[in-house]
Amino acid sequence: LFNADAQVDDRLAKMDNDVKLKILFSSYHNM
């Protein structure tokens, strides 16, 4: 629902497609 210049999240499914810089934060469940 929210646009931004960058996004940091530990789940790809939560990434906003409209955000240019998407950073997957490494965590125990996404390696």
Full PDB file with SEQRES, HELIX, SHEET, SSBOND, CRYST1, ORIGX, SCALE, CONECT and MASTER records, all heavy atoms in Angstrom:
SEQRES   1 A   31  LEU PHE ASN ALA ASP ALA GLN VAL ASP ASP ARG LEU ALA          
SEQRES   2 A   31  LYS MET ASP ASN ASP VAL LYS LEU LYS ILE LEU PHE SER          
SEQRES   3 A   31  SER TYR HIS ASN MET                                          
HELIX    1 AA1 LEU A   12  LYS A   14  5                                   3    
SHEET    1 AA1 2 ALA A   6  ASP A   9  0                                        
SHEET    2 AA1 2 LEU A  21  LEU A  24  1                                        
CRYST1    1.000    1.000    1.000  90.00  90.00  90.00 P 1           1          
ORIGX1      1.000000  0.000000  0.000000        0.00000                         
ORIGX2      0.000000  1.000000  0.000000        0.00000                         
ORIGX3      0.000000  0.000000  1.000000        0.00000                         
SCALE1      1.000000  0.000000  0.000000        0.00000                         
SCALE2      0.000000  1.000000  0.000000        0.00000                         
SCALE3      0.000000  0.000000  1.000000        0.00000                         
ATOM      1  N   LEU A   1       0.819  -1.220   0.000  1.00  0.00           N  
ATOM      2  CA  LEU A   1       0.000   0.000   0.000  1.00  0.00           C  
ATOM      3  C   LEU A   1       0.848   1.264   0.000  1.00  0.00           C  
ATOM      4  O   LEU A   1       0.360   2.341  -0.314  1.00  0.00           O  
ATOM      5  CB  LEU A   1      -0.911   0.017   1.230  1.00  0.00           C  
ATOM      6  CG  LEU A   1      -2.006  -1.044   1.304  1.00  0.00           C  
ATOM      7  CD1 LEU A   1      -2.648  -1.033   2.686  1.00  0.00           C  
ATOM      8  CD2 LEU A   1      -3.060  -0.792   0.240  1.00  0.00           C  
ATOM      9  N   PHE A   2       2.129   1.134   0.364  1.00  0.00           N  
ATOM     10  CA  PHE A   2       2.945   2.315   0.613  1.00  0.00           C  
ATOM     11  C   PHE A   2       4.162   2.320  -0.307  1.00  0.00           C  
ATOM     12  O   PHE A   2       4.908   1.351  -0.364  1.00  0.00           O  
ATOM     13  CB  PHE A   2       3.401   2.353   2.079  1.00  0.00           C  
ATOM     14  CG  PHE A   2       2.271   2.160   3.042  1.00  0.00           C  
ATOM     15  CD1 PHE A   2       2.031   0.918   3.602  1.00  0.00           C  
ATOM     16  CD2 PHE A   2       1.423   3.208   3.365  1.00  0.00           C  
ATOM     17  CE1 PHE A   2       0.977   0.722   4.479  1.00  0.00           C  
ATOM     18  CE2 PHE A   2       0.369   3.024   4.229  1.00  0.00           C  
ATOM     19  CZ  PHE A   2       0.139   1.773   4.790  1.00  0.00           C  
ATOM     20  N   ASN A   3       4.359   3.426  -0.990  1.00  0.00           N  
ATOM     21  CA  ASN A   3       5.518   3.560  -1.855  1.00  0.00           C  
ATOM     22  C   ASN A   3       6.672   4.177  -1.072  1.00  0.00           C  
ATOM     23  O   ASN A   3       6.460   4.874  -0.082  1.00  0.00           O  
ATOM     24  CB  ASN A   3       5.182   4.419  -3.070  1.00  0.00           C  
ATOM     25  CG  ASN A   3       6.106   4.147  -4.240  1.00  0.00           C  
ATOM     26  OD1 ASN A   3       7.093   3.433  -4.103  1.00  0.00           O  
ATOM     27  ND2 ASN A   3       5.790   4.713  -5.392  1.00  0.00           N  
ATOM     28  N   ALA A   4       7.883   3.906  -1.534  1.00  0.00           N  
ATOM     29  CA  ALA A   4       9.065   4.447  -0.873  1.00  0.00           C  
ATOM     30  C   ALA A   4      10.240   4.337  -1.826  1.00  0.00           C  
ATOM     31  O   ALA A   4      10.173   3.653  -2.849  1.00  0.00           O  
ATOM     32  CB  ALA A   4       9.354   3.694   0.423  1.00  0.00           C  
ATOM     33  N   ASP A   5      11.340   5.013  -1.474  1.00  0.00           N  
ATOM     34  CA  ASP A   5      12.554   4.903  -2.277  1.00  0.00           C  
ATOM     35  C   ASP A   5      13.297   3.609  -1.995  1.00  0.00           C  
ATOM     36  O   ASP A   5      13.977   3.070  -2.880  1.00  0.00           O  
ATOM     37  CB  ASP A   5      13.471   6.097  -1.997  1.00  0.00           C  
ATOM     38  CG  ASP A   5      12.854   7.407  -2.438  1.00  0.00           C  
ATOM     39  OD1 ASP A   5      12.633   7.580  -3.652  1.00  0.00           O  
ATOM     40  OD2 ASP A   5      12.566   8.246  -1.563  1.00  0.00           O  
ATOM     41  N   ALA A   6      13.179   3.113  -0.774  1.00  0.00           N  
ATOM     42  CA  ALA A   6      13.880   1.881  -0.394  1.00  0.00           C  
ATOM     43  C   ALA A   6      13.064   1.140   0.657  1.00  0.00           C  
ATOM     44  O   ALA A   6      12.262   1.743   1.378  1.00  0.00           O  
ATOM     45  CB  ALA A   6      15.272   2.200   0.142  1.00  0.00           C  
ATOM     46  N   GLN A   7      13.267  -0.156   0.724  1.00  0.00           N  
ATOM     47  CA  GLN A   7      12.557  -0.993   1.694  1.00  0.00           C  
ATOM     48  C   GLN A   7      13.506  -2.055   2.216  1.00  0.00           C  
ATOM     49  O   GLN A   7      14.265  -2.662   1.457  1.00  0.00           O  
ATOM     50  CB  GLN A   7      11.343  -1.663   1.040  1.00  0.00           C  
ATOM     51  CG  GLN A   7      10.523  -2.536   1.996  1.00  0.00           C  
ATOM     52  CD  GLN A   7       9.301  -3.143   1.310  1.00  0.00           C  
ATOM     53  OE1 GLN A   7       9.142  -3.056   0.093  1.00  0.00           O  
ATOM     54  NE2 GLN A   7       8.441  -3.765   2.098  1.00  0.00           N  
ATOM     55  N   VAL A   8      13.455  -2.276   3.530  1.00  0.00           N  
ATOM     56  CA  VAL A   8      14.230  -3.339   4.173  1.00  0.00           C  
ATOM     57  C   VAL A   8      13.253  -4.277   4.855  1.00  0.00           C  
ATOM     58  O   VAL A   8      12.461  -3.852   5.707  1.00  0.00           O  
ATOM     59  CB  VAL A   8      15.228  -2.775   5.208  1.00  0.00           C  
ATOM     60  CG1 VAL A   8      15.996  -3.912   5.871  1.00  0.00           C  
ATOM     61  CG2 VAL A   8      16.186  -1.782   4.556  1.00  0.00           C  
ATOM     62  N   ASP A   9      13.311  -5.552   4.483  1.00  0.00           N  
ATOM     63  CA  ASP A   9      12.394  -6.535   5.054  1.00  0.00           C  
ATOM     64  C   ASP A   9      13.081  -7.895   5.033  1.00  0.00           C  
ATOM     65  O   ASP A   9      13.999  -8.124   4.242  1.00  0.00           O  
ATOM     66  CB  ASP A   9      11.096  -6.586   4.245  1.00  0.00           C  
ATOM     67  CG  ASP A   9       9.893  -7.030   5.084  1.00  0.00           C  
ATOM     68  OD1 ASP A   9       9.868  -8.216   5.474  1.00  0.00           O  
ATOM     69  OD2 ASP A   9       9.008  -6.209   5.349  1.00  0.00           O  
ATOM     70  N   ASP A  10      12.617  -8.792   5.890  1.00  0.00           N  
ATOM     71  CA  ASP A  10      13.202 -10.134   5.923  1.00  0.00           C  
ATOM     72  C   ASP A  10      12.394 -11.138   5.111  1.00  0.00           C  
ATOM     73  O   ASP A  10      12.757 -12.310   5.064  1.00  0.00           O  
ATOM     74  CB  ASP A  10      13.335 -10.633   7.372  1.00  0.00           C  
ATOM     75  CG  ASP A  10      11.991 -10.728   8.079  1.00  0.00           C  
ATOM     76  OD1 ASP A  10      11.244  -9.742   8.080  1.00  0.00           O  
ATOM     77  OD2 ASP A  10      11.681 -11.796   8.637  1.00  0.00           O  
ATOM     78  N   ARG A  11      11.299 -10.677   4.471  1.00  0.00           N  
ATOM     79  CA  ARG A  11      10.483 -11.580   3.658  1.00  0.00           C  
ATOM     80  C   ARG A  11      10.235 -10.973   2.282  1.00  0.00           C  
ATOM     81  O   ARG A  11       9.703  -9.866   2.168  1.00  0.00           O  
ATOM     82  CB  ARG A  11       9.158 -11.877   4.362  1.00  0.00           C  
ATOM     83  CG  ARG A  11       9.343 -12.723   5.616  1.00  0.00           C  
ATOM     84  CD  ARG A  11       8.030 -13.327   6.078  1.00  0.00           C  
ATOM     85  NE  ARG A  11       7.217 -12.356   6.777  1.00  0.00           N  
ATOM     86  CZ  ARG A  11       5.999 -12.614   7.246  1.00  0.00           C  
ATOM     87  NH1 ARG A  11       5.436 -13.804   7.047  1.00  0.00           N  
ATOM     88  NH2 ARG A  11       5.329 -11.687   7.907  1.00  0.00           N  
ATOM     89  N   LEU A  12      10.587 -11.724   1.259  1.00  0.00           N  
ATOM     90  CA  LEU A  12      10.396 -11.249  -0.106  1.00  0.00           C  
ATOM     91  C   LEU A  12       8.926 -10.974  -0.393  1.00  0.00           C  
ATOM     92  O   LEU A  12       8.593 -10.047  -1.136  1.00  0.00           O  
ATOM     93  CB  LEU A  12      10.931 -12.276  -1.109  1.00  0.00           C  
ATOM     94  CG  LEU A  12      12.442 -12.330  -1.339  1.00  0.00           C  
ATOM     95  CD1 LEU A  12      12.766 -13.375  -2.389  1.00  0.00           C  
ATOM     96  CD2 LEU A  12      12.998 -10.971  -1.758  1.00  0.00           C  
ATOM     97  N   ALA A  13       8.052 -11.785   0.186  1.00  0.00           N  
ATOM     98  CA  ALA A  13       6.625 -11.640  -0.071  1.00  0.00           C  
ATOM     99  C   ALA A  13       6.082 -10.301   0.410  1.00  0.00           C  
ATOM    100  O   ALA A  13       5.010  -9.869  -0.026  1.00  0.00           O  
ATOM    101  CB  ALA A  13       5.848 -12.779   0.590  1.00  0.00           C  
ATOM    102  N   LYS A  14       6.806  -9.643   1.301  1.00  0.00           N  
ATOM    103  CA  LYS A  14       6.364  -8.350   1.834  1.00  0.00           C  
ATOM    104  C   LYS A  14       6.951  -7.168   1.070  1.00  0.00           C  
ATOM    105  O   LYS A  14       6.673  -6.014   1.399  1.00  0.00           O  
ATOM    106  CB  LYS A  14       6.742  -8.238   3.315  1.00  0.00           C  
ATOM    107  CG  LYS A  14       6.081  -9.274   4.207  1.00  0.00           C  
ATOM    108  CD  LYS A  14       4.583  -9.116   4.252  1.00  0.00           C  
ATOM    109  CE  LYS A  14       3.931 -10.086   5.203  1.00  0.00           C  
ATOM    110  NZ  LYS A  14       2.463  -9.929   5.252  1.00  0.00           N  
ATOM    111  N   MET A  15       7.758  -7.451   0.057  1.00  0.00           N  
ATOM    112  CA  MET A  15       8.375  -6.368  -0.701  1.00  0.00           C  
ATOM    113  C   MET A  15       7.362  -5.716  -1.636  1.00  0.00           C  
ATOM    114  O   MET A  15       6.553  -6.394  -2.271  1.00  0.00           O  
ATOM    115  CB  MET A  15       9.553  -6.902  -1.525  1.00  0.00           C  
ATOM    116  CG  MET A  15      10.698  -7.454  -0.689  1.00  0.00           C  
ATOM    117  SD  MET A  15      11.579  -6.160   0.194  1.00  0.00           S  
ATOM    118  CE  MET A  15      12.994  -7.088   0.801  1.00  0.00           C  
ATOM    119  N   ASP A  16       7.421  -4.399  -1.722  1.00  0.00           N  
ATOM    120  CA  ASP A  16       6.552  -3.630  -2.609  1.00  0.00           C  
ATOM    121  C   ASP A  16       7.214  -3.568  -3.992  1.00  0.00           C  
ATOM    122  O   ASP A  16       8.348  -3.108  -4.126  1.00  0.00           O  
ATOM    123  CB  ASP A  16       6.358  -2.227  -2.042  1.00  0.00           C  
ATOM    124  CG  ASP A  16       5.347  -1.404  -2.817  1.00  0.00           C  
ATOM    125  OD1 ASP A  16       5.098  -1.721  -4.003  1.00  0.00           O  
ATOM    126  OD2 ASP A  16       4.793  -0.457  -2.246  1.00  0.00           O  
ATOM    127  N   ASN A  17       6.496  -4.016  -5.010  1.00  0.00           N  
ATOM    128  CA  ASN A  17       7.054  -4.040  -6.360  1.00  0.00           C  
ATOM    129  C   ASN A  17       7.412  -2.657  -6.878  1.00  0.00           C  
ATOM    130  O   ASN A  17       8.235  -2.520  -7.786  1.00  0.00           O  
ATOM    131  CB  ASN A  17       6.068  -4.710  -7.323  1.00  0.00           C  
ATOM    132  CG  ASN A  17       5.955  -6.202  -7.095  1.00  0.00           C  
ATOM    133  OD1 ASN A  17       6.887  -6.845  -6.629  1.00  0.00           O  
ATOM    134  ND2 ASN A  17       4.802  -6.756  -7.419  1.00  0.00           N  
ATOM    135  N   ASP A  18       6.789  -1.612  -6.336  1.00  0.00           N  
ATOM    136  CA  ASP A  18       7.041  -0.251  -6.801  1.00  0.00           C  
ATOM    137  C   ASP A  18       8.284   0.380  -6.178  1.00  0.00           C  
ATOM    138  O   ASP A  18       8.701   1.456  -6.591  1.00  0.00           O  
ATOM    139  CB  ASP A  18       5.825   0.640  -6.511  1.00  0.00           C  
ATOM    140  CG  ASP A  18       4.598   0.238  -7.319  1.00  0.00           C  
ATOM    141  OD1 ASP A  18       4.775  -0.224  -8.459  1.00  0.00           O  
ATOM    142  OD2 ASP A  18       3.474   0.374  -6.809  1.00  0.00           O  
ATOM    143  N   VAL A  19       8.862  -0.285  -5.185  1.00  0.00           N  
ATOM    144  CA  VAL A  19      10.071   0.232  -4.544  1.00  0.00           C  
ATOM    145  C   VAL A  19      11.289  -0.139  -5.385  1.00  0.00           C  
ATOM    146  O   VAL A  19      11.479  -1.309  -5.737  1.00  0.00           O  
ATOM    147  CB  VAL A  19      10.210  -0.326  -3.110  1.00  0.00           C  
ATOM    148  CG1 VAL A  19      11.546   0.089  -2.507  1.00  0.00           C  
ATOM    149  CG2 VAL A  19       9.066   0.165  -2.240  1.00  0.00           C  
ATOM    150  N   LYS A  20      12.108   0.829  -5.700  1.00  0.00           N  
ATOM    151  CA  LYS A  20      13.258   0.569  -6.575  1.00  0.00           C  
ATOM    152  C   LYS A  20      14.354  -0.225  -5.871  1.00  0.00           C  
ATOM    153  O   LYS A  20      14.942  -1.132  -6.458  1.00  0.00           O  
ATOM    154  CB  LYS A  20      13.816   1.897  -7.095  1.00  0.00           C  
ATOM    155  CG  LYS A  20      12.875   2.628  -8.046  1.00  0.00           C  
ATOM    156  CD  LYS A  20      13.502   3.910  -8.557  1.00  0.00           C  
ATOM    157  CE  LYS A  20      12.560   4.622  -9.522  1.00  0.00           C  
ATOM    158  NZ  LYS A  20      13.138   5.892 -10.028  1.00  0.00           N  
ATOM    159  N   LEU A  21      14.639   0.126  -4.633  1.00  0.00           N  
ATOM    160  CA  LEU A  21      15.712  -0.543  -3.898  1.00  0.00           C  
ATOM    161  C   LEU A  21      15.106  -1.415  -2.807  1.00  0.00           C  
ATOM    162  O   LEU A  21      14.681  -0.926  -1.764  1.00  0.00           O  
ATOM    163  CB  LEU A  21      16.670   0.490  -3.293  1.00  0.00           C  
ATOM    164  CG  LEU A  21      17.835  -0.065  -2.459  1.00  0.00           C  
ATOM    165  CD1 LEU A  21      18.631  -1.089  -3.255  1.00  0.00           C  
ATOM    166  CD2 LEU A  21      18.734   1.057  -1.967  1.00  0.00           C  
ATOM    167  N   LYS A  22      15.063  -2.706  -3.058  1.00  0.00           N  
ATOM    168  CA  LYS A  22      14.495  -3.658  -2.104  1.00  0.00           C  
ATOM    169  C   LYS A  22      15.637  -4.470  -1.508  1.00  0.00           C  
ATOM    170  O   LYS A  22      16.400  -5.107  -2.232  1.00  0.00           O  
ATOM    171  CB  LYS A  22      13.486  -4.572  -2.804  1.00  0.00           C  
ATOM    172  CG  LYS A  22      12.281  -3.829  -3.339  1.00  0.00           C  
ATOM    173  CD  LYS A  22      11.227  -4.773  -3.892  1.00  0.00           C  
ATOM    174  CE  LYS A  22      11.565  -5.280  -5.278  1.00  0.00           C  
ATOM    175  NZ  LYS A  22      11.426  -4.210  -6.315  1.00  0.00           N  
ATOM    176  N   ILE A  23      15.727  -4.430  -0.184  1.00  0.00           N  
ATOM    177  CA  ILE A  23      16.826  -5.101   0.527  1.00  0.00           C  
ATOM    178  C   ILE A  23      16.259  -6.217   1.378  1.00  0.00           C  
ATOM    179  O   ILE A  23      15.473  -5.969   2.305  1.00  0.00           O  
ATOM    180  CB  ILE A  23      17.600  -4.098   1.403  1.00  0.00           C  
ATOM    181  CG1 ILE A  23      18.190  -2.975   0.534  1.00  0.00           C  
ATOM    182  CG2 ILE A  23      18.696  -4.812   2.191  1.00  0.00           C  
ATOM    183  CD1 ILE A  23      18.801  -1.850   1.339  1.00  0.00           C  
ATOM    184  N   LEU A  24      16.650  -7.446   1.069  1.00  0.00           N  
ATOM    185  CA  LEU A  24      16.264  -8.585   1.896  1.00  0.00           C  
ATOM    186  C   LEU A  24      17.233  -8.683   3.056  1.00  0.00           C  
ATOM    187  O   LEU A  24      18.423  -8.940   2.866  1.00  0.00           O  
ATOM    188  CB  LEU A  24      16.269  -9.878   1.090  1.00  0.00           C  
ATOM    189  CG  LEU A  24      15.856 -11.123   1.883  1.00  0.00           C  
ATOM    190  CD1 LEU A  24      14.368 -11.086   2.242  1.00  0.00           C  
ATOM    191  CD2 LEU A  24      16.186 -12.405   1.120  1.00  0.00           C  
ATOM    192  N   PHE A  25      16.731  -8.490   4.249  1.00  0.00           N  
ATOM    193  CA  PHE A  25      17.548  -8.552   5.464  1.00  0.00           C  
ATOM    194  C   PHE A  25      17.756 -10.025   5.820  1.00  0.00           C  
ATOM    195  O   PHE A  25      16.795 -10.760   6.053  1.00  0.00           O  
ATOM    196  CB  PHE A  25      16.822  -7.832   6.599  1.00  0.00           C  
ATOM    197  CG  PHE A  25      17.668  -7.577   7.813  1.00  0.00           C  
ATOM    198  CD1 PHE A  25      18.377  -6.395   7.936  1.00  0.00           C  
ATOM    199  CD2 PHE A  25      17.747  -8.504   8.833  1.00  0.00           C  
ATOM    200  CE1 PHE A  25      19.150  -6.143   9.059  1.00  0.00           C  
ATOM    201  CE2 PHE A  25      18.518  -8.264   9.952  1.00  0.00           C  
ATOM    202  CZ  PHE A  25      19.233  -7.082  10.070  1.00  0.00           C  
ATOM    203  N   SER A  26      18.992 -10.466   5.853  1.00  0.00           N  
ATOM    204  CA  SER A  26      19.283 -11.876   6.118  1.00  0.00           C  
ATOM    205  C   SER A  26      18.799 -12.278   7.503  1.00  0.00           C  
ATOM    206  O   SER A  26      19.063 -11.595   8.490  1.00  0.00           O  
ATOM    207  CB  SER A  26      20.784 -12.143   5.991  1.00  0.00           C  
ATOM    208  OG  SER A  26      21.185 -12.039   4.648  1.00  0.00           O  
ATOM    209  N   SER A  27      18.085 -13.398   7.566  1.00  0.00           N  
ATOM    210  CA  SER A  27      17.558 -13.878   8.827  1.00  0.00           C  
ATOM    211  C   SER A  27      17.566 -15.398   8.844  1.00  0.00           C  
ATOM    212  O   SER A  27      17.821 -16.047   7.825  1.00  0.00           O  
ATOM    213  CB  SER A  27      16.139 -13.347   9.052  1.00  0.00           C  
ATOM    214  OG  SER A  27      15.733 -13.533  10.405  1.00  0.00           O  
ATOM    215  N   TYR A  28      17.285 -15.965   9.990  1.00  0.00           N  
ATOM    216  CA  TYR A  28      17.355 -17.414  10.182  1.00  0.00           C  
ATOM    217  C   TYR A  28      16.449 -18.176   9.223  1.00  0.00           C  
ATOM    218  O   TYR A  28      16.726 -19.325   8.882  1.00  0.00           O  
ATOM    219  CB  TYR A  28      16.977 -17.768  11.631  1.00  0.00           C  
ATOM    220  CG  TYR A  28      15.561 -17.402  12.012  1.00  0.00           C  
ATOM    221  CD1 TYR A  28      14.521 -18.304  11.901  1.00  0.00           C  
ATOM    222  CD2 TYR A  28      15.252 -16.116  12.488  1.00  0.00           C  
ATOM    223  CE1 TYR A  28      13.216 -17.961  12.240  1.00  0.00           C  
ATOM    224  CE2 TYR A  28      13.955 -15.761  12.813  1.00  0.00           C  
ATOM    225  CZ  TYR A  28      12.945 -16.685  12.694  1.00  0.00           C  
ATOM    226  OH  TYR A  28      11.651 -16.341  13.008  1.00  0.00           O  
ATOM    227  N   HIS A  29      15.381 -17.566   8.752  1.00  0.00           N  
ATOM    228  CA  HIS A  29      14.367 -18.274   7.972  1.00  0.00           C  
ATOM    229  C   HIS A  29      14.465 -18.045   6.472  1.00  0.00           C  
ATOM    230  O   HIS A  29      13.686 -18.637   5.714  1.00  0.00           O  
ATOM    231  CB  HIS A  29      12.962 -17.856   8.437  1.00  0.00           C  
ATOM    232  CG  HIS A  29      12.698 -16.396   8.247  1.00  0.00           C  
ATOM    233  ND1 HIS A  29      12.222 -15.876   7.073  1.00  0.00           N  
ATOM    234  CD2 HIS A  29      12.887 -15.342   9.080  1.00  0.00           C  
ATOM    235  CE1 HIS A  29      12.107 -14.564   7.194  1.00  0.00           C  
ATOM    236  NE2 HIS A  29      12.506 -14.210   8.400  1.00  0.00           N  
ATOM    237  N   ASN A  30      15.388 -17.180   6.019  1.00  0.00           N  
ATOM    238  CA  ASN A  30      15.421 -16.873   4.587  1.00  0.00           C  
ATOM    239  C   ASN A  30      16.743 -17.191   3.908  1.00  0.00           C  
ATOM    240  O   ASN A  30      16.988 -16.758   2.770  1.00  0.00           O  
ATOM    241  CB  ASN A  30      15.032 -15.405   4.340  1.00  0.00           C  
ATOM    242  CG  ASN A  30      16.032 -14.408   4.924  1.00  0.00           C  
ATOM    243  OD1 ASN A  30      17.184 -14.723   5.165  1.00  0.00           O  
ATOM    244  ND2 ASN A  30      15.571 -13.177   5.142  1.00  0.00           N  
ATOM    245  N   MET A  31      17.605 -17.954   4.555  1.00  0.00           N  
ATOM    246  CA  MET A  31      18.926 -18.217   4.000  1.00  0.00           C  
ATOM    247  C   MET A  31      18.883 -19.152   2.797  1.00  0.00           C  
ATOM    248  O   MET A  31      19.856 -19.245   2.044  1.00  0.00           O  
ATOM    249  CB  MET A  31      19.852 -18.779   5.079  1.00  0.00           C  
ATOM    250  CG  MET A  31      20.061 -17.848   6.277  1.00  0.00           C  
ATOM    251  SD  MET A  31      20.470 -16.134   5.807  1.00  0.00           S  
ATOM    252  CE  MET A  31      22.005 -16.356   4.935  1.00  0.00           C  
TER     253      MET A  31                                                      
MASTER        0    0    0    1    2    0    0    6  252    1    0    3          
END                                                                             
